[in-house]
Amino acid sequence: MKTAVSIPDEVFEKAERLARRVRCSRSQLFSAALSEYVARHAPDEVTEAMNRVCEQVGNQPDAFVAAAGRRVLEKTEW
């Protein structure tokens, strides 16, 4: 989808330099930046994604993880 937006000249120039440096188009740069911004401001989506992963993995105890955690805690000064 095409859209037109107004941004300050300084921001545009910085975006131009970054796009050249990482060798991508302005459209790709703006799309990636906006996607990251939206993701940061949508905490419910992150929580929902984590919940989906937990459902897939399950909540069975893991002996290795428990032992490793115990070792770390034993070495930690409280």
PDB file of N, CA and C in Angstrom:
ATOM      1  N   MET A   1       0.843  -1.169   0.000  1.00  0.00           N
ATOM      2  CA  MET A   1       0.000   0.000   0.000  1.00  0.00           C
ATOM      3  C   MET A   1       0.890   1.234   0.000  1.00  0.00           C
ATOM      4  N   LYS A   2       0.504   2.190  -0.751  1.00  0.00           N
ATOM      5  CA  LYS A   2       1.235   3.453  -0.776  1.00  0.00           C
ATOM      6  C   LYS A   2       0.507   4.450   0.103  1.00  0.00           C
ATOM      7  N   THR A   3       1.303   5.299   0.749  1.00  0.00           N
ATOM      8  CA  THR A   3       0.737   6.352   1.576  1.00  0.00           C
ATOM      9  C   THR A   3       1.697   7.530   1.581  1.00  0.00           C
ATOM     10  N   ALA A   4       1.203   8.675   1.906  1.00  0.00           N
ATOM     11  CA  ALA A   4       2.054   9.866   1.983  1.00  0.00           C
ATOM     12  C   ALA A   4       2.025  10.368   3.420  1.00  0.00           C
ATOM     13  N   VAL A   5       3.204  10.667   3.937  1.00  0.00           N
ATOM     14  CA  VAL A   5       3.306  11.216   5.289  1.00  0.00           C
ATOM     15  C   VAL A   5       4.269  12.392   5.259  1.00  0.00           C
ATOM     16  N   SER A   6       4.125  13.264   6.222  1.00  0.00           N
ATOM     17  CA  SER A   6       5.042  14.392   6.367  1.00  0.00           C
ATOM     18  C   SER A   6       5.918  14.139   7.574  1.00  0.00           C
ATOM     19  N   ILE A   7       7.225  14.267   7.379  1.00  0.00           N
ATOM     20  CA  ILE A   7       8.169  14.107   8.480  1.00  0.00           C
ATOM     21  C   ILE A   7       9.173  15.246   8.407  1.00  0.00           C
ATOM     22  N   PRO A   8       9.771  15.582   9.536  1.00  0.00           N
ATOM     23  CA  PRO A   8      10.768  16.663   9.535  1.00  0.00           C
ATOM     24  C   PRO A   8      11.945  16.320   8.623  1.00  0.00           C
ATOM     25  N   ASP A   9      12.503  17.348   7.995  1.00  0.00           N
ATOM     26  CA  ASP A   9      13.636  17.159   7.088  1.00  0.00           C
ATOM     27  C   ASP A   9      14.780  16.403   7.750  1.00  0.00           C
ATOM     28  N   GLU A  10      15.075  16.743   8.988  1.00  0.00           N
ATOM     29  CA  GLU A  10      16.186  16.105   9.704  1.00  0.00           C
ATOM     30  C   GLU A  10      15.966  14.596   9.834  1.00  0.00           C
ATOM     31  N   VAL A  11      14.744  14.200  10.157  1.00  0.00           N
ATOM     32  CA  VAL A  11      14.431  12.766  10.285  1.00  0.00           C
ATOM     33  C   VAL A  11      14.557  12.091   8.925  1.00  0.00           C
ATOM     34  N   PHE A  12      14.064  12.739   7.895  1.00  0.00           N
ATOM     35  CA  PHE A  12      14.148  12.177   6.548  1.00  0.00           C
ATOM     36  C   PHE A  12      15.606  11.978   6.136  1.00  0.00           C
ATOM     37  N   GLU A  13      16.449  12.970   6.392  1.00  0.00           N
ATOM     38  CA  GLU A  13      17.857  12.873   6.008  1.00  0.00           C
ATOM     39  C   GLU A  13      18.559  11.746   6.763  1.00  0.00           C
ATOM     40  N   LYS A  14      18.251  11.602   8.050  1.00  0.00           N
ATOM     41  CA  LYS A  14      18.844  10.506   8.826  1.00  0.00           C
ATOM     42  C   LYS A  14      18.375   9.151   8.290  1.00  0.00           C
ATOM     43  N   ALA A  15      17.112   9.078   7.920  1.00  0.00           N
ATOM     44  CA  ALA A  15      16.571   7.834   7.373  1.00  0.00           C
ATOM     45  C   ALA A  15      17.231   7.512   6.035  1.00  0.00           C
ATOM     46  N   GLU A  16      17.441   8.526   5.220  1.00  0.00           N
ATOM     47  CA  GLU A  16      18.128   8.335   3.939  1.00  0.00           C
ATOM     48  C   GLU A  16      19.520   7.762   4.140  1.00  0.00           C
ATOM     49  N   ARG A  17      20.259   8.346   5.083  1.00  0.00           N
ATOM     50  CA  ARG A  17      21.626   7.868   5.343  1.00  0.00           C
ATOM     51  C   ARG A  17      21.615   6.427   5.858  1.00  0.00           C
ATOM     52  N   LEU A  18      20.689   6.142   6.745  1.00  0.00           N
ATOM     53  CA  LEU A  18      20.601   4.780   7.286  1.00  0.00           C
ATOM     54  C   LEU A  18      20.227   3.785   6.195  1.00  0.00           C
ATOM     55  N   ALA A  19      19.282   4.123   5.359  1.00  0.00           N
ATOM     56  CA  ALA A  19      18.870   3.232   4.269  1.00  0.00           C
ATOM     57  C   ALA A  19      20.049   2.933   3.347  1.00  0.00           C
ATOM     58  N   ARG A  20      20.829   3.952   3.030  1.00  0.00           N
ATOM     59  CA  ARG A  20      22.018   3.727   2.181  1.00  0.00           C
ATOM     60  C   ARG A  20      23.032   2.833   2.891  1.00  0.00           C
ATOM     61  N   ARG A  21      23.234   3.099   4.192  1.00  0.00           N
ATOM     62  CA  ARG A  21      24.225   2.333   4.945  1.00  0.00           C
ATOM     63  C   ARG A  21      23.853   0.856   5.057  1.00  0.00           C
ATOM     64  N   VAL A  22      22.576   0.569   5.288  1.00  0.00           N
ATOM     65  CA  VAL A  22      22.151  -0.836   5.434  1.00  0.00           C
ATOM     66  C   VAL A  22      21.686  -1.430   4.108  1.00  0.00           C
ATOM     67  N   ARG A  23      21.804  -0.624   3.047  1.00  0.00           N
ATOM     68  CA  ARG A  23      21.474  -1.063   1.685  1.00  0.00           C
ATOM     69  C   ARG A  23      20.050  -1.605   1.565  1.00  0.00           C
ATOM     70  N   CYS A  24      19.111  -0.756   1.938  1.00  0.00           N
ATOM     71  CA  CYS A  24      17.703  -1.095   1.731  1.00  0.00           C
ATOM     72  C   CYS A  24      16.985   0.153   1.221  1.00  0.00           C
ATOM     73  N   SER A  25      15.806  -0.049   0.717  1.00  0.00           N
ATOM     74  CA  SER A  25      15.042   1.090   0.206  1.00  0.00           C
ATOM     75  C   SER A  25      14.451   1.882   1.370  1.00  0.00           C
ATOM     76  N   ARG A  26      14.082   3.127   1.093  1.00  0.00           N
ATOM     77  CA  ARG A  26      13.392   3.926   2.113  1.00  0.00           C
ATOM     78  C   ARG A  26      12.118   3.234   2.541  1.00  0.00           C
ATOM     79  N   SER A  27      11.393   2.676   1.587  1.00  0.00           N
ATOM     80  CA  SER A  27      10.139   1.993   1.924  1.00  0.00           C
ATOM     81  C   SER A  27      10.387   0.848   2.906  1.00  0.00           C
ATOM     82  N   GLN A  28      11.439   0.071   2.647  1.00  0.00           N
ATOM     83  CA  GLN A  28      11.758  -1.036   3.557  1.00  0.00           C
ATOM     84  C   GLN A  28      12.140  -0.505   4.935  1.00  0.00           C
ATOM     85  N   LEU A  29      12.921   0.562   4.957  1.00  0.00           N
ATOM     86  CA  LEU A  29      13.348   1.145   6.226  1.00  0.00           C
ATOM     87  C   LEU A  29      12.153   1.668   7.016  1.00  0.00           C
ATOM     88  N   PHE A  30      11.302   2.449   6.368  1.00  0.00           N
ATOM     89  CA  PHE A  30      10.135   2.998   7.071  1.00  0.00           C
ATOM     90  C   PHE A  30       9.186   1.898   7.519  1.00  0.00           C
ATOM     91  N   SER A  31       9.017   0.878   6.702  1.00  0.00           N
ATOM     92  CA  SER A  31       8.146  -0.238   7.068  1.00  0.00           C
ATOM     93  C   SER A  31       8.688  -0.971   8.286  1.00  0.00           C
ATOM     94  N   ALA A  32       9.997  -1.249   8.289  1.00  0.00           N
ATOM     95  CA  ALA A  32      10.612  -1.937   9.427  1.00  0.00           C
ATOM     96  C   ALA A  32      10.523  -1.086  10.697  1.00  0.00           C
ATOM     97  N   ALA A  33      10.781   0.203  10.551  1.00  0.00           N
ATOM     98  CA  ALA A  33      10.738   1.098  11.713  1.00  0.00           C
ATOM     99  C   ALA A  33       9.326   1.174  12.285  1.00  0.00           C
ATOM    100  N   LEU A  34       8.346   1.300  11.427  1.00  0.00           N
ATOM    101  CA  LEU A  34       6.968   1.392  11.895  1.00  0.00           C
ATOM    102  C   LEU A  34       6.514   0.078  12.522  1.00  0.00           C
ATOM    103  N   SER A  35       6.917  -1.042  11.941  1.00  0.00           N
ATOM    104  CA  SER A  35       6.576  -2.348  12.515  1.00  0.00           C
ATOM    105  C   SER A  35       7.151  -2.486  13.919  1.00  0.00           C
ATOM    106  N   GLU A  36       8.406  -2.073  14.083  1.00  0.00           N
ATOM    107  CA  GLU A  36       9.038  -2.152  15.405  1.00  0.00           C
ATOM    108  C   GLU A  36       8.332  -1.227  16.400  1.00  0.00           C
ATOM    109  N   TYR A  37       7.980  -0.039  15.962  1.00  0.00           N
ATOM    110  CA  TYR A  37       7.297   0.912  16.839  1.00  0.00           C
ATOM    111  C   TYR A  37       5.946   0.362  17.287  1.00  0.00           C
ATOM    112  N   VAL A  38       5.206  -0.175  16.349  1.00  0.00           N
ATOM    113  CA  VAL A  38       3.885  -0.741  16.677  1.00  0.00           C
ATOM    114  C   VAL A  38       4.044  -1.906  17.646  1.00  0.00           C
ATOM    115  N   ALA A  39       5.037  -2.770  17.411  1.00  0.00           N
ATOM    116  CA  ALA A  39       5.258  -3.917  18.294  1.00  0.00           C
ATOM    117  C   ALA A  39       5.593  -3.463  19.717  1.00  0.00           C
ATOM    118  N   ARG A  40       6.384  -2.415  19.824  1.00  0.00           N
ATOM    119  CA  ARG A  40       6.751  -1.912  21.151  1.00  0.00           C
ATOM    120  C   ARG A  40       5.560  -1.329  21.896  1.00  0.00           C
ATOM    121  N   HIS A  41       4.586  -0.846  21.163  1.00  0.00           N
ATOM    122  CA  HIS A  41       3.441  -0.202  21.786  1.00  0.00           C
ATOM    123  C   HIS A  41       2.197  -1.083  21.796  1.00  0.00           C
ATOM    124  N   ALA A  42       2.408  -2.369  21.604  1.00  0.00           N
ATOM    125  CA  ALA A  42       1.293  -3.327  21.645  1.00  0.00           C
ATOM    126  C   ALA A  42       1.663  -4.466  22.587  1.00  0.00           C
ATOM    127  N   PRO A  43       1.800  -4.180  23.896  1.00  0.00           N
ATOM    128  CA  PRO A  43       2.248  -5.212  24.833  1.00  0.00           C
ATOM    129  C   PRO A  43       1.319  -6.416  24.903  1.00  0.00           C
ATOM    130  N   ASP A  44       0.024  -6.211  24.635  1.00  0.00           N
ATOM    131  CA  ASP A  44      -0.896  -7.349  24.668  1.00  0.00           C
ATOM    132  C   ASP A  44      -0.532  -8.375  23.606  1.00  0.00           C
ATOM    133  N   GLU A  45      -0.056  -7.919  22.458  1.00  0.00           N
ATOM    134  CA  GLU A  45       0.337  -8.847  21.403  1.00  0.00           C
ATOM    135  C   GLU A  45       1.552  -9.661  21.824  1.00  0.00           C
ATOM    136  N   VAL A  46       2.477  -9.040  22.534  1.00  0.00           N
ATOM    137  CA  VAL A  46       3.653  -9.764  23.015  1.00  0.00           C
ATOM    138  C   VAL A  46       3.220 -10.807  24.036  1.00  0.00           C
ATOM    139  N   THR A  47       2.338 -10.422  24.952  1.00  0.00           N
ATOM    140  CA  THR A  47       1.846 -11.361  25.955  1.00  0.00           C
ATOM    141  C   THR A  47       1.110 -12.517  25.292  1.00  0.00           C
ATOM    142  N   GLU A  48       0.284 -12.222  24.308  1.00  0.00           N
ATOM    143  CA  GLU A  48      -0.441 -13.279  23.608  1.00  0.00           C
ATOM    144  C   GLU A  48       0.523 -14.222  22.891  1.00  0.00           C
ATOM    145  N   ALA A  49       1.563 -13.687  22.286  1.00  0.00           N
ATOM    146  CA  ALA A  49       2.553 -14.527  21.606  1.00  0.00           C
ATOM    147  C   ALA A  49       3.273 -15.418  22.612  1.00  0.00           C
ATOM    148  N   MET A  50       3.643 -14.860  23.749  1.00  0.00           N
ATOM    149  CA  MET A  50       4.304 -15.659  24.788  1.00  0.00           C
ATOM    150  C   MET A  50       3.370 -16.751  25.306  1.00  0.00           C
ATOM    151  N   ASN A  51       2.113 -16.426  25.471  1.00  0.00           N
ATOM    152  CA  ASN A  51       1.143 -17.421  25.932  1.00  0.00           C
ATOM    153  C   ASN A  51       1.005 -18.559  24.925  1.00  0.00           C
ATOM    154  N   ARG A  52       1.014 -18.235  23.630  1.00  0.00           N
ATOM    155  CA  ARG A  52       0.930 -19.278  22.601  1.00  0.00           C
ATOM    156  C   ARG A  52       2.133 -20.205  22.665  1.00  0.00           C
ATOM    157  N   VAL A  53       3.305 -19.622  22.855  1.00  0.00           N
ATOM    158  CA  VAL A  53       4.524 -20.436  22.960  1.00  0.00           C
ATOM    159  C   VAL A  53       4.439 -21.339  24.186  1.00  0.00           C
ATOM    160  N   CYS A  54       4.021 -20.785  25.309  1.00  0.00           N
ATOM    161  CA  CYS A  54       3.914 -21.585  26.537  1.00  0.00           C
ATOM    162  C   CYS A  54       2.917 -22.726  26.369  1.00  0.00           C
ATOM    163  N   GLU A  55       1.824 -22.484  25.668  1.00  0.00           N
ATOM    164  CA  GLU A  55       0.845 -23.545  25.415  1.00  0.00           C
ATOM    165  C   GLU A  55       1.456 -24.656  24.571  1.00  0.00           C
ATOM    166  N   GLN A  56       2.262 -24.282  23.582  1.00  0.00           N
ATOM    167  CA  GLN A  56       2.887 -25.276  22.706  1.00  0.00           C
ATOM    168  C   GLN A  56       3.962 -26.065  23.441  1.00  0.00           C
ATOM    169  N   VAL A  57       4.739 -25.389  24.268  1.00  0.00           N
ATOM    170  CA  VAL A  57       5.848 -26.035  24.966  1.00  0.00           C
ATOM    171  C   VAL A  57       5.339 -26.856  26.149  1.00  0.00           C
ATOM    172  N   GLY A  58       4.322 -26.362  26.798  1.00  0.00           N
ATOM    173  CA  GLY A  58       3.796 -27.038  27.980  1.00  0.00           C
ATOM    174  C   GLY A  58       4.453 -26.509  29.239  1.00  0.00           C
ATOM    175  N   ASN A  59       4.006 -27.022  30.366  1.00  0.00           N
ATOM    176  CA  ASN A  59       4.546 -26.535  31.639  1.00  0.00           C
ATOM    177  C   ASN A  59       5.081 -27.679  32.494  1.00  0.00           C
ATOM    178  N   GLN A  60       5.611 -28.698  31.835  1.00  0.00           N
ATOM    179  CA  GLN A  60       6.204 -29.811  32.563  1.00  0.00           C
ATOM    180  C   GLN A  60       7.540 -29.375  33.161  1.00  0.00           C
ATOM    181  N   PRO A  61       7.817 -29.814  34.399  1.00  0.00           N
ATOM    182  CA  PRO A  61       9.098 -29.465  35.004  1.00  0.00           C
ATOM    183  C   PRO A  61      10.258 -30.036  34.184  1.00  0.00           C
ATOM    184  N   ASP A  62      11.346 -29.315  34.169  1.00  0.00           N
ATOM    185  CA  ASP A  62      12.531 -29.735  33.444  1.00  0.00           C
ATOM    186  C   ASP A  62      13.659 -29.888  34.462  1.00  0.00           C
ATOM    187  N   ALA A  63      14.132 -31.111  34.648  1.00  0.00           N
ATOM    188  CA  ALA A  63      15.147 -31.393  35.671  1.00  0.00           C
ATOM    189  C   ALA A  63      16.427 -30.606  35.418  1.00  0.00           C
ATOM    190  N   PHE A  64      16.834 -30.492  34.164  1.00  0.00           N
ATOM    191  CA  PHE A  64      18.069 -29.765  33.855  1.00  0.00           C
ATOM    192  C   PHE A  64      17.939 -28.297  34.238  1.00  0.00           C
ATOM    193  N   VAL A  65      16.839 -27.687  33.863  1.00  0.00           N
ATOM    194  CA  VAL A  65      16.629 -26.268  34.165  1.00  0.00           C
ATOM    195  C   VAL A  65      16.566 -26.053  35.674  1.00  0.00           C
ATOM    196  N   ALA A  66      15.879 -26.948  36.386  1.00  0.00           N
ATOM    197  CA  ALA A  66      15.785 -26.822  37.838  1.00  0.00           C
ATOM    198  C   ALA A  66      17.167 -26.931  38.482  1.00  0.00           C
ATOM    199  N   ALA A  67      17.980 -27.888  38.036  1.00  0.00           N
ATOM    200  CA  ALA A  67      19.321 -28.065  38.593  1.00  0.00           C
ATOM    201  C   ALA A  67      20.206 -26.861  38.278  1.00  0.00           C
ATOM    202  N   ALA A  68      20.137 -26.377  37.064  1.00  0.00           N
ATOM    203  CA  ALA A  68      20.937 -25.212  36.678  1.00  0.00           C
ATOM    204  C   ALA A  68      20.525 -23.994  37.494  1.00  0.00           C
ATOM    205  N   GLY A  69      19.245 -23.799  37.671  1.00  0.00           N
ATOM    206  CA  GLY A  69      18.752 -22.678  38.470  1.00  0.00           C
ATOM    207  C   GLY A  69      19.217 -22.770  39.910  1.00  0.00           C
ATOM    208  N   ARG A  70      19.187 -23.974  40.459  1.00  0.00           N
ATOM    209  CA  ARG A  70      19.649 -24.185  41.829  1.00  0.00           C
ATOM    210  C   ARG A  70      21.134 -23.825  41.962  1.00  0.00           C
ATOM    211  N   ARG A  71      21.943 -24.264  40.993  1.00  0.00           N
ATOM    212  CA  ARG A  71      23.380 -23.964  41.042  1.00  0.00           C
ATOM    213  C   ARG A  71      23.623 -22.452  40.993  1.00  0.00           C
ATOM    214  N   VAL A  72      22.901 -21.766  40.140  1.00  0.00           N
ATOM    215  CA  VAL A  72      23.063 -20.314  40.040  1.00  0.00           C
ATOM    216  C   VAL A  72      22.672 -19.644  41.348  1.00  0.00           C
ATOM    217  N   LEU A  73      21.547 -20.058  41.914  1.00  0.00           N
ATOM    218  CA  LEU A  73      21.077 -19.447  43.162  1.00  0.00           C
ATOM    219  C   LEU A  73      22.028 -19.743  44.317  1.00  0.00           C
ATOM    220  N   GLU A  74      22.622 -20.936  44.347  1.00  0.00           N
ATOM    221  CA  GLU A  74      23.558 -21.271  45.420  1.00  0.00           C
ATOM    222  C   GLU A  74      24.800 -20.387  45.367  1.00  0.00           C
ATOM    223  N   LYS A  75      25.191 -19.946  44.163  1.00  0.00           N
ATOM    224  CA  LYS A  75      26.386 -19.115  43.990  1.00  0.00           C
ATOM    225  C   LYS A  75      26.095 -17.625  44.163  1.00  0.00           C
ATOM    226  N   THR A  76      24.811 -17.282  44.261  1.00  0.00           N
ATOM    227  CA  THR A  76      24.414 -15.883  44.365  1.00  0.00           C
ATOM    228  C   THR A  76      24.411 -15.436  45.814  1.00  0.00           C
ATOM    229  N   GLU A  77      25.076 -14.307  46.071  1.00  0.00           N
ATOM    230  CA  GLU A  77      25.079 -13.768  47.427  1.00  0.00           C
ATOM    231  C   GLU A  77      23.794 -12.988  47.652  1.00  0.00           C
ATOM    232  N   TRP A  78      23.081 -13.322  48.695  1.00  0.00           N
ATOM    233  CA  TRP A  78      21.809 -12.652  49.003  1.00  0.00           C
ATOM    234  C   TRP A  78      22.090 -11.588  49.985  1.00  0.00           C
TER     235      TRP A  78
END
